[in-house]
Amino acid sequence: MTKAEMLIEYTTQDIVSWIMEEQHLGMEEALAQFYSSKTFEKLADLETGLYLDAPLSVYCLYRDEQVAGKFVQNEI
């Protein structure tokens, strides 16, 4: 497993845990929700570099996507 793959896996674990806690979901449903999101698609795409961001930052992108109904990444 590459370093990038490990970072993606660890970030995914954290985010799924937060989804489970916040939405009171089981692991399978939380995994399905996150894996089907545009945020996960961007996280898994090494060219975006999103896997290098802090898990909480990626989770905030996920939550923003859920509220807006689309992936939103504000420019800094």
PDB file of N, CA and C in Angstrom:
ATOM      1  N   MET A   1       0.846  -1.175   0.000  1.00  0.00           N
ATOM      2  CA  MET A   1       0.000   0.000   0.000  1.00  0.00           C
ATOM      3  C   MET A   1       0.891   1.238   0.000  1.00  0.00           C
ATOM      4  N   THR A   2       0.575   2.178  -0.877  1.00  0.00           N
ATOM      5  CA  THR A   2       1.376   3.402  -0.956  1.00  0.00           C
ATOM      6  C   THR A   2       1.002   4.358   0.179  1.00  0.00           C
ATOM      7  N   LYS A   3       1.830   5.364   0.373  1.00  0.00           N
ATOM      8  CA  LYS A   3       1.553   6.360   1.398  1.00  0.00           C
ATOM      9  C   LYS A   3       0.236   7.087   1.099  1.00  0.00           C
ATOM     10  N   ALA A   4       0.010   7.415  -0.164  1.00  0.00           N
ATOM     11  CA  ALA A   4      -1.232   8.092  -0.559  1.00  0.00           C
ATOM     12  C   ALA A   4      -2.443   7.214  -0.248  1.00  0.00           C
ATOM     13  N   GLU A   5      -2.363   5.934  -0.573  1.00  0.00           N
ATOM     14  CA  GLU A   5      -3.471   5.017  -0.298  1.00  0.00           C
ATOM     15  C   GLU A   5      -3.734   4.916   1.199  1.00  0.00           C
ATOM     16  N   MET A   6      -2.674   4.912   1.995  1.00  0.00           N
ATOM     17  CA  MET A   6      -2.835   4.862   3.450  1.00  0.00           C
ATOM     18  C   MET A   6      -3.528   6.124   3.956  1.00  0.00           C
ATOM     19  N   LEU A   7      -3.111   7.288   3.449  1.00  0.00           N
ATOM     20  CA  LEU A   7      -3.731   8.540   3.873  1.00  0.00           C
ATOM     21  C   LEU A   7      -5.215   8.577   3.499  1.00  0.00           C
ATOM     22  N   ILE A   8      -5.547   8.094   2.307  1.00  0.00           N
ATOM     23  CA  ILE A   8      -6.947   8.029   1.882  1.00  0.00           C
ATOM     24  C   ILE A   8      -7.734   7.112   2.802  1.00  0.00           C
ATOM     25  N   GLU A   9      -7.165   5.972   3.128  1.00  0.00           N
ATOM     26  CA  GLU A   9      -7.836   5.007   4.005  1.00  0.00           C
ATOM     27  C   GLU A   9      -8.057   5.586   5.401  1.00  0.00           C
ATOM     28  N   TYR A  10      -7.032   6.213   5.968  1.00  0.00           N
ATOM     29  CA  TYR A  10      -7.166   6.787   7.311  1.00  0.00           C
ATOM     30  C   TYR A  10      -8.182   7.928   7.322  1.00  0.00           C
ATOM     31  N   THR A  11      -8.158   8.763   6.308  1.00  0.00           N
ATOM     32  CA  THR A  11      -9.118   9.860   6.212  1.00  0.00           C
ATOM     33  C   THR A  11     -10.532   9.309   6.087  1.00  0.00           C
ATOM     34  N   THR A  12     -10.697   8.294   5.257  1.00  0.00           N
ATOM     35  CA  THR A  12     -12.008   7.669   5.076  1.00  0.00           C
ATOM     36  C   THR A  12     -12.512   7.085   6.396  1.00  0.00           C
ATOM     37  N   GLN A  13     -11.645   6.421   7.138  1.00  0.00           N
ATOM     38  CA  GLN A  13     -12.046   5.846   8.422  1.00  0.00           C
ATOM     39  C   GLN A  13     -12.555   6.924   9.372  1.00  0.00           C
ATOM     40  N   ASP A  14     -11.828   8.034   9.446  1.00  0.00           N
ATOM     41  CA  ASP A  14     -12.250   9.127  10.325  1.00  0.00           C
ATOM     42  C   ASP A  14     -13.600   9.690   9.892  1.00  0.00           C
ATOM     43  N   ILE A  15     -13.734   9.954   8.600  1.00  0.00           N
ATOM     44  CA  ILE A  15     -14.963  10.565   8.093  1.00  0.00           C
ATOM     45  C   ILE A  15     -16.158   9.638   8.299  1.00  0.00           C
ATOM     46  N   VAL A  16     -16.000   8.369   8.021  1.00  0.00           N
ATOM     47  CA  VAL A  16     -17.097   7.420   8.214  1.00  0.00           C
ATOM     48  C   VAL A  16     -17.486   7.361   9.689  1.00  0.00           C
ATOM     49  N   SER A  17     -16.522   7.413  10.562  1.00  0.00           N
ATOM     50  CA  SER A  17     -16.797   7.429  11.998  1.00  0.00           C
ATOM     51  C   SER A  17     -17.620   8.664  12.373  1.00  0.00           C
ATOM     52  N   TRP A  18     -17.258   9.811  11.835  1.00  0.00           N
ATOM     53  CA  TRP A  18     -17.991  11.051  12.124  1.00  0.00           C
ATOM     54  C   TRP A  18     -19.402  11.004  11.541  1.00  0.00           C
ATOM     55  N   ILE A  19     -19.543  10.449  10.342  1.00  0.00           N
ATOM     56  CA  ILE A  19     -20.873  10.313   9.730  1.00  0.00           C
ATOM     57  C   ILE A  19     -21.749   9.418  10.615  1.00  0.00           C
ATOM     58  N   MET A  20     -21.183   8.309  11.067  1.00  0.00           N
ATOM     59  CA  MET A  20     -21.926   7.388  11.926  1.00  0.00           C
ATOM     60  C   MET A  20     -22.401   8.096  13.192  1.00  0.00           C
ATOM     61  N   GLU A  21     -21.498   8.853  13.797  1.00  0.00           N
ATOM     62  CA  GLU A  21     -21.813   9.533  15.048  1.00  0.00           C
ATOM     63  C   GLU A  21     -22.830  10.648  14.839  1.00  0.00           C
ATOM     64  N   GLU A  22     -22.606  11.471  13.826  1.00  0.00           N
ATOM     65  CA  GLU A  22     -23.466  12.634  13.611  1.00  0.00           C
ATOM     66  C   GLU A  22     -24.859  12.252  13.114  1.00  0.00           C
ATOM     67  N   GLN A  23     -24.926  11.247  12.245  1.00  0.00           N
ATOM     68  CA  GLN A  23     -26.206  10.884  11.639  1.00  0.00           C
ATOM     69  C   GLN A  23     -26.831   9.628  12.250  1.00  0.00           C
ATOM     70  N   HIS A  24     -26.164   9.059  13.245  1.00  0.00           N
ATOM     71  CA  HIS A  24     -26.658   7.854  13.916  1.00  0.00           C
ATOM     72  C   HIS A  24     -26.910   6.725  12.911  1.00  0.00           C
ATOM     73  N   LEU A  25     -25.894   6.461  12.083  1.00  0.00           N
ATOM     74  CA  LEU A  25     -25.979   5.420  11.063  1.00  0.00           C
ATOM     75  C   LEU A  25     -25.071   4.264  11.412  1.00  0.00           C
ATOM     76  N   GLY A  26     -25.366   3.112  10.834  1.00  0.00           N
ATOM     77  CA  GLY A  26     -24.474   1.974  10.939  1.00  0.00           C
ATOM     78  C   GLY A  26     -23.300   2.164   9.983  1.00  0.00           C
ATOM     79  N   MET A  27     -22.290   1.345  10.158  1.00  0.00           N
ATOM     80  CA  MET A  27     -21.080   1.477   9.358  1.00  0.00           C
ATOM     81  C   MET A  27     -21.346   1.304   7.864  1.00  0.00           C
ATOM     82  N   GLU A  28     -22.128   0.292   7.504  1.00  0.00           N
ATOM     83  CA  GLU A  28     -22.376   0.032   6.079  1.00  0.00           C
ATOM     84  C   GLU A  28     -23.046   1.220   5.400  1.00  0.00           C
ATOM     85  N   GLU A  29     -24.033   1.796   6.055  1.00  0.00           N
ATOM     86  CA  GLU A  29     -24.738   2.929   5.458  1.00  0.00           C
ATOM     87  C   GLU A  29     -23.840   4.161   5.385  1.00  0.00           C
ATOM     88  N   ALA A  30     -23.058   4.392   6.422  1.00  0.00           N
ATOM     89  CA  ALA A  30     -22.131   5.531   6.416  1.00  0.00           C
ATOM     90  C   ALA A  30     -21.079   5.364   5.325  1.00  0.00           C
ATOM     91  N   LEU A  31     -20.558   4.144   5.182  1.00  0.00           N
ATOM     92  CA  LEU A  31     -19.597   3.871   4.111  1.00  0.00           C
ATOM     93  C   LEU A  31     -20.224   4.110   2.744  1.00  0.00           C
ATOM     94  N   ALA A  32     -21.444   3.619   2.560  1.00  0.00           N
ATOM     95  CA  ALA A  32     -22.126   3.785   1.279  1.00  0.00           C
ATOM     96  C   ALA A  32     -22.334   5.257   0.960  1.00  0.00           C
ATOM     97  N   GLN A  33     -22.725   6.031   1.950  1.00  0.00           N
ATOM     98  CA  GLN A  33     -22.939   7.465   1.738  1.00  0.00           C
ATOM     99  C   GLN A  33     -21.642   8.155   1.329  1.00  0.00           C
ATOM    100  N   PHE A  34     -20.577   7.874   2.065  1.00  0.00           N
ATOM    101  CA  PHE A  34     -19.322   8.560   1.759  1.00  0.00           C
ATOM    102  C   PHE A  34     -18.739   8.088   0.436  1.00  0.00           C
ATOM    103  N   TYR A  35     -18.748   6.788   0.183  1.00  0.00           N
ATOM    104  CA  TYR A  35     -18.187   6.268  -1.070  1.00  0.00           C
ATOM    105  C   TYR A  35     -18.948   6.768  -2.295  1.00  0.00           C
ATOM    106  N   SER A  36     -20.223   7.098  -2.137  1.00  0.00           N
ATOM    107  CA  SER A  36     -21.002   7.575  -3.284  1.00  0.00           C
ATOM    108  C   SER A  36     -20.921   9.097  -3.446  1.00  0.00           C
ATOM    109  N   SER A  37     -20.158   9.769  -2.592  1.00  0.00           N
ATOM    110  CA  SER A  37     -20.078  11.224  -2.652  1.00  0.00           C
ATOM    111  C   SER A  37     -19.008  11.696  -3.633  1.00  0.00           C
ATOM    112  N   LYS A  38     -19.192  12.905  -4.108  1.00  0.00           N
ATOM    113  CA  LYS A  38     -18.193  13.554  -4.961  1.00  0.00           C
ATOM    114  C   LYS A  38     -16.928  13.833  -4.140  1.00  0.00           C
ATOM    115  N   THR A  39     -17.099  14.078  -2.847  1.00  0.00           N
ATOM    116  CA  THR A  39     -15.953  14.320  -1.971  1.00  0.00           C
ATOM    117  C   THR A  39     -15.026  13.113  -1.970  1.00  0.00           C
ATOM    118  N   PHE A  40     -15.588  11.909  -1.851  1.00  0.00           N
ATOM    119  CA  PHE A  40     -14.731  10.715  -1.877  1.00  0.00           C
ATOM    120  C   PHE A  40     -14.072  10.566  -3.243  1.00  0.00           C
ATOM    121  N   GLU A  41     -14.804  10.861  -4.295  1.00  0.00           N
ATOM    122  CA  GLU A  41     -14.228  10.780  -5.643  1.00  0.00           C
ATOM    123  C   GLU A  41     -13.002  11.690  -5.745  1.00  0.00           C
ATOM    124  N   LYS A  42     -13.122  12.903  -5.214  1.00  0.00           N
ATOM    125  CA  LYS A  42     -11.998  13.852  -5.239  1.00  0.00           C
ATOM    126  C   LYS A  42     -10.865  13.379  -4.320  1.00  0.00           C
ATOM    127  N   LEU A  43     -11.224  12.822  -3.160  1.00  0.00           N
ATOM    128  CA  LEU A  43     -10.227  12.312  -2.219  1.00  0.00           C
ATOM    129  C   LEU A  43      -9.412  11.190  -2.850  1.00  0.00           C
ATOM    130  N   ALA A  44     -10.061  10.310  -3.563  1.00  0.00           N
ATOM    131  CA  ALA A  44      -9.406   9.149  -4.164  1.00  0.00           C
ATOM    132  C   ALA A  44      -8.607   9.503  -5.422  1.00  0.00           C
ATOM    133  N   ASP A  45      -8.852  10.673  -5.992  1.00  0.00           N
ATOM    134  CA  ASP A  45      -8.125  11.121  -7.181  1.00  0.00           C
ATOM    135  C   ASP A  45      -6.824  11.780  -6.723  1.00  0.00           C
ATOM    136  N   LEU A  46      -5.719  11.089  -6.900  1.00  0.00           N
ATOM    137  CA  LEU A  46      -4.440  11.584  -6.405  1.00  0.00           C
ATOM    138  C   LEU A  46      -4.051  12.928  -7.015  1.00  0.00           C
ATOM    139  N   GLU A  47      -4.543  13.217  -8.195  1.00  0.00           N
ATOM    140  CA  GLU A  47      -4.193  14.475  -8.851  1.00  0.00           C
ATOM    141  C   GLU A  47      -4.759  15.698  -8.132  1.00  0.00           C
ATOM    142  N   THR A  48      -5.832  15.525  -7.373  1.00  0.00           N
ATOM    143  CA  THR A  48      -6.417  16.664  -6.654  1.00  0.00           C
ATOM    144  C   THR A  48      -5.571  17.043  -5.439  1.00  0.00           C
ATOM    145  N   GLY A  49      -4.842  16.085  -4.881  1.00  0.00           N
ATOM    146  CA  GLY A  49      -4.046  16.341  -3.680  1.00  0.00           C
ATOM    147  C   GLY A  49      -4.892  16.437  -2.419  1.00  0.00           C
ATOM    148  N   LEU A  50      -6.198  16.193  -2.530  1.00  0.00           N
ATOM    149  CA  LEU A  50      -7.085  16.309  -1.375  1.00  0.00           C
ATOM    150  C   LEU A  50      -6.704  15.328  -0.263  1.00  0.00           C
ATOM    151  N   TYR A  51      -6.111  14.209  -0.634  1.00  0.00           N
ATOM    152  CA  TYR A  51      -5.711  13.217   0.375  1.00  0.00           C
ATOM    153  C   TYR A  51      -4.662  13.765   1.340  1.00  0.00           C
ATOM    154  N   LEU A  52      -4.024  14.880   0.982  1.00  0.00           N
ATOM    155  CA  LEU A  52      -3.018  15.492   1.848  1.00  0.00           C
ATOM    156  C   LEU A  52      -3.627  16.427   2.885  1.00  0.00           C
ATOM    157  N   ASP A  53      -4.901  16.785   2.704  1.00  0.00           N
ATOM    158  CA  ASP A  53      -5.584  17.668   3.656  1.00  0.00           C
ATOM    159  C   ASP A  53      -5.927  16.908   4.928  1.00  0.00           C
ATOM    160  N   ALA A  54      -6.146  17.656   5.988  1.00  0.00           N
ATOM    161  CA  ALA A  54      -6.549  17.062   7.262  1.00  0.00           C
ATOM    162  C   ALA A  54      -7.920  16.407   7.111  1.00  0.00           C
ATOM    163  N   PRO A  55      -8.134  15.259   7.756  1.00  0.00           N
ATOM    164  CA  PRO A  55      -9.426  14.581   7.663  1.00  0.00           C
ATOM    165  C   PRO A  55     -10.615  15.481   8.012  1.00  0.00           C
ATOM    166  N   LEU A  56     -10.468  16.341   9.007  1.00  0.00           N
ATOM    167  CA  LEU A  56     -11.576  17.218   9.385  1.00  0.00           C
ATOM    168  C   LEU A  56     -11.896  18.199   8.258  1.00  0.00           C
ATOM    169  N   SER A  57     -10.899  18.666   7.562  1.00  0.00           N
ATOM    170  CA  SER A  57     -11.108  19.556   6.420  1.00  0.00           C
ATOM    171  C   SER A  57     -11.890  18.849   5.314  1.00  0.00           C
ATOM    172  N   VAL A  58     -11.535  17.606   5.044  1.00  0.00           N
ATOM    173  CA  VAL A  58     -12.235  16.818   4.019  1.00  0.00           C
ATOM    174  C   VAL A  58     -13.668  16.536   4.479  1.00  0.00           C
ATOM    175  N   TYR A  59     -13.845  16.276   5.765  1.00  0.00           N
ATOM    176  CA  TYR A  59     -15.190  16.045   6.300  1.00  0.00           C
ATOM    177  C   TYR A  59     -16.066  17.286   6.126  1.00  0.00           C
ATOM    178  N   CYS A  60     -15.489  18.451   6.337  1.00  0.00           N
ATOM    179  CA  CYS A  60     -16.244  19.691   6.143  1.00  0.00           C
ATOM    180  C   CYS A  60     -16.674  19.838   4.684  1.00  0.00           C
ATOM    181  N   LEU A  61     -15.814  19.447   3.752  1.00  0.00           N
ATOM    182  CA  LEU A  61     -16.188  19.455   2.334  1.00  0.00           C
ATOM    183  C   LEU A  61     -17.354  18.494   2.089  1.00  0.00           C
ATOM    184  N   TYR A  62     -17.286  17.322   2.720  1.00  0.00           N
ATOM    185  CA  TYR A  62     -18.368  16.335   2.589  1.00  0.00           C
ATOM    186  C   TYR A  62     -19.684  16.910   3.109  1.00  0.00           C
ATOM    187  N   ARG A  63     -19.640  17.513   4.287  1.00  0.00           N
ATOM    188  CA  ARG A  63     -20.857  18.091   4.870  1.00  0.00           C
ATOM    189  C   ARG A  63     -21.402  19.212   3.998  1.00  0.00           C
ATOM    190  N   ASP A  64     -20.522  20.056   3.472  1.00  0.00           N
ATOM    191  CA  ASP A  64     -20.955  21.121   2.563  1.00  0.00           C
ATOM    192  C   ASP A  64     -21.613  20.533   1.319  1.00  0.00           C
ATOM    193  N   GLU A  65     -21.050  19.431   0.821  1.00  0.00           N
ATOM    194  CA  GLU A  65     -21.641  18.757  -0.342  1.00  0.00           C
ATOM    195  C   GLU A  65     -23.040  18.252  -0.013  1.00  0.00           C
ATOM    196  N   GLN A  66     -23.232  17.703   1.155  1.00  0.00           N
ATOM    197  CA  GLN A  66     -24.537  17.180   1.544  1.00  0.00           C
ATOM    198  C   GLN A  66     -25.565  18.302   1.653  1.00  0.00           C
ATOM    199  N   VAL A  67     -25.159  19.446   2.169  1.00  0.00           N
ATOM    200  CA  VAL A  67     -26.076  20.578   2.329  1.00  0.00           C
ATOM    201  C   VAL A  67     -26.405  21.199   0.965  1.00  0.00           C
ATOM    202  N   ALA A  68     -25.373  21.393   0.129  1.00  0.00           N
ATOM    203  CA  ALA A  68     -25.549  22.087  -1.150  1.00  0.00           C
ATOM    204  C   ALA A  68     -26.091  21.160  -2.243  1.00  0.00           C
ATOM    205  N   GLY A  69     -25.933  19.866  -2.047  1.00  0.00           N
ATOM    206  CA  GLY A  69     -26.363  18.921  -3.072  1.00  0.00           C
ATOM    207  C   GLY A  69     -25.350  18.763  -4.197  1.00  0.00           C
ATOM    208  N   LYS A  70     -24.181  19.370  -4.015  1.00  0.00           N
ATOM    209  CA  LYS A  70     -23.105  19.259  -4.999  1.00  0.00           C
ATOM    210  C   LYS A  70     -21.792  19.553  -4.300  1.00  0.00           C
ATOM    211  N   PHE A  71     -20.702  19.141  -4.909  1.00  0.00           N
ATOM    212  CA  PHE A  71     -19.379  19.369  -4.345  1.00  0.00           C
ATOM    213  C   PHE A  71     -19.053  20.854  -4.445  1.00  0.00           C
ATOM    214  N   VAL A  72     -18.680  21.443  -3.308  1.00  0.00           N
ATOM    215  CA  VAL A  72     -18.339  22.860  -3.259  1.00  0.00           C
ATOM    216  C   VAL A  72     -16.995  22.987  -2.576  1.00  0.00           C
ATOM    217  N   GLN A  73     -16.049  23.607  -3.269  1.00  0.00           N
ATOM    218  CA  GLN A  73     -14.746  23.852  -2.649  1.00  0.00           C
ATOM    219  C   GLN A  73     -14.433  25.319  -2.851  1.00  0.00           C
ATOM    220  N   ASN A  74     -14.486  26.057  -1.769  1.00  0.00           N
ATOM    221  CA  ASN A  74     -14.216  27.492  -1.837  1.00  0.00           C
ATOM    222  C   ASN A  74     -12.743  27.753  -2.036  1.00  0.00           C
ATOM    223  N   GLU A  75     -12.448  28.757  -2.803  1.00  0.00           N
ATOM    224  CA  GLU A  75     -11.060  29.167  -3.024  1.00  0.00           C
ATOM    225  C   GLU A  75     -10.577  29.926  -1.804  1.00  0.00           C
ATOM    226  N   ILE A  76      -9.318  29.768  -1.498  1.00  0.00           N
ATOM    227  CA  ILE A  76      -8.729  30.478  -0.348  1.00  0.00           C
ATOM    228  C   ILE A  76      -7.872  31.599  -0.879  1.00  0.00           C
TER     229      ILE A  76
END
